[in-house]
Amino acid sequence: MKPCQSCQAVIDEYILDKQLEALRDLTVDDFYVCADCTTIVADACVECGGGVYVPRSESDTPDYCPACRSDLISQTGQDPGWNCDAVST
């Protein structure tokens, strides 16, 4: 079991997996935060219309879900970042 990178609590994989149902092809192994330190915003991804993962410490909702961001990196070789208007380097 891995500790949450935010609060250091042990990650309850069952609870987090239930929250991640809105994100395609992702499991608890793709995250290092517990269910208490994250939230999922359904239908927010501009590419697939799926859910996005938002750490509770953040106030902005990302435009891309982790799966679409990964797909874009694979296709273009560039990281689009989490938001459409900014390209990370």
Protein backbone atom coordinates (compact mmCIF):
# COMPACT_ATOMS: atom_id res chain seq x y z
CA MET A 1 0.00 0.00 0.00
CA LYS A 2 1.26 3.45 -0.91
CA PRO A 3 0.90 6.58 1.20
CA CYS A 4 -0.92 9.62 -0.16
CA GLN A 5 1.58 12.21 -1.41
CA SER A 6 -0.64 14.94 -0.01
CA CYS A 7 -1.63 13.84 3.49
CA GLN A 8 0.50 10.66 3.91
CA ALA A 9 -2.54 8.51 4.78
CA VAL A 10 -2.61 4.98 3.42
CA ILE A 11 -4.52 4.96 0.13
CA ASP A 12 -7.76 2.97 0.35
CA GLU A 13 -7.68 1.38 -3.11
CA TYR A 14 -11.34 0.31 -3.07
CA ILE A 15 -12.66 3.83 -2.40
CA LEU A 16 -10.29 5.47 -4.90
CA ASP A 17 -11.07 2.90 -7.62
CA LYS A 18 -14.78 3.70 -7.20
CA GLN A 19 -14.05 7.42 -7.69
CA LEU A 20 -11.89 6.71 -10.74
CA GLU A 21 -14.74 5.03 -12.65
CA ALA A 22 -15.28 8.34 -14.49
CA LEU A 23 -11.74 8.21 -15.88
CA ARG A 24 -11.11 5.76 -18.69
CA ASP A 25 -8.38 3.13 -18.45
CA LEU A 26 -7.02 4.32 -15.12
CA THR A 27 -6.62 2.49 -11.85
CA VAL A 28 -5.53 3.45 -8.36
CA ASP A 29 -1.95 2.59 -9.39
CA ASP A 30 -1.92 5.71 -11.61
CA PHE A 31 -2.43 7.99 -8.60
CA TYR A 32 -0.49 8.73 -5.46
CA VAL A 33 -3.28 10.45 -3.57
CA CYS A 34 -6.07 9.11 -1.40
CA ALA A 35 -9.78 9.61 -2.05
CA ASP A 36 -9.93 12.32 0.63
CA CYS A 37 -7.31 14.43 -1.20
CA THR A 38 -8.76 14.26 -4.71
CA THR A 39 -11.98 14.76 -6.58
CA ILE A 40 -13.18 13.69 -10.01
CA VAL A 41 -15.07 16.17 -12.21
CA ALA A 42 -17.25 14.20 -14.63
CA ASP A 43 -17.57 15.21 -18.30
CA ALA A 44 -14.79 17.84 -18.11
CA CYS A 45 -12.20 16.54 -20.61
CA VAL A 46 -12.24 18.56 -23.85
CA GLU A 47 -10.98 15.57 -25.88
CA CYS A 48 -13.10 12.61 -24.74
CA GLY A 49 -15.76 14.21 -22.55
CA GLY A 50 -14.70 12.01 -19.67
CA GLY A 51 -13.87 12.91 -16.11
CA VAL A 52 -10.77 14.73 -14.93
CA TYR A 53 -8.81 14.27 -11.74
CA VAL A 54 -8.36 17.35 -9.54
CA PRO A 55 -6.26 17.37 -6.36
CA ARG A 56 -8.28 19.04 -3.60
CA SER A 57 -5.43 21.55 -3.14
CA GLU A 58 -6.04 22.90 -6.69
CA SER A 59 -8.80 25.36 -7.58
CA ASP A 60 -8.63 25.01 -11.40
CA THR A 61 -10.20 22.09 -13.24
CA PRO A 62 -7.91 20.59 -15.91
CA ASP A 63 -9.08 20.51 -19.54
CA TYR A 64 -7.55 17.07 -20.26
CA CYS A 65 -8.00 13.82 -18.40
CA PRO A 66 -4.76 11.91 -17.69
CA ALA A 67 -5.51 9.38 -20.47
CA CYS A 68 -6.05 12.04 -23.17
CA ARG A 69 -3.02 13.99 -22.01
CA SER A 70 -0.97 10.82 -22.32
CA ASP A 71 -2.44 10.14 -25.80
CA LEU A 72 -1.54 13.67 -26.95
CA ILE A 73 2.02 13.26 -25.67
CA SER A 74 2.29 9.96 -27.57
CA GLN A 75 0.90 11.46 -30.79
CA THR A 76 2.73 14.80 -30.84
CA GLY A 77 5.75 14.19 -28.64
CA GLN A 78 4.83 17.34 -26.71
CA ASP A 79 3.12 17.64 -23.36
CA PRO A 80 0.00 19.82 -23.73
CA GLY A 81 -0.18 20.31 -19.99
CA TRP A 82 -3.47 19.98 -18.17
CA ASN A 83 -5.06 23.03 -19.77
CA CYS A 84 -5.72 23.86 -23.44
CA ASP A 85 -4.32 27.38 -23.29
CA ALA A 86 -0.91 26.52 -21.82
CA VAL A 87 1.80 24.26 -23.19
CA SER A 88 4.21 23.00 -20.58
CA THR A 89 7.87 22.60 -21.45
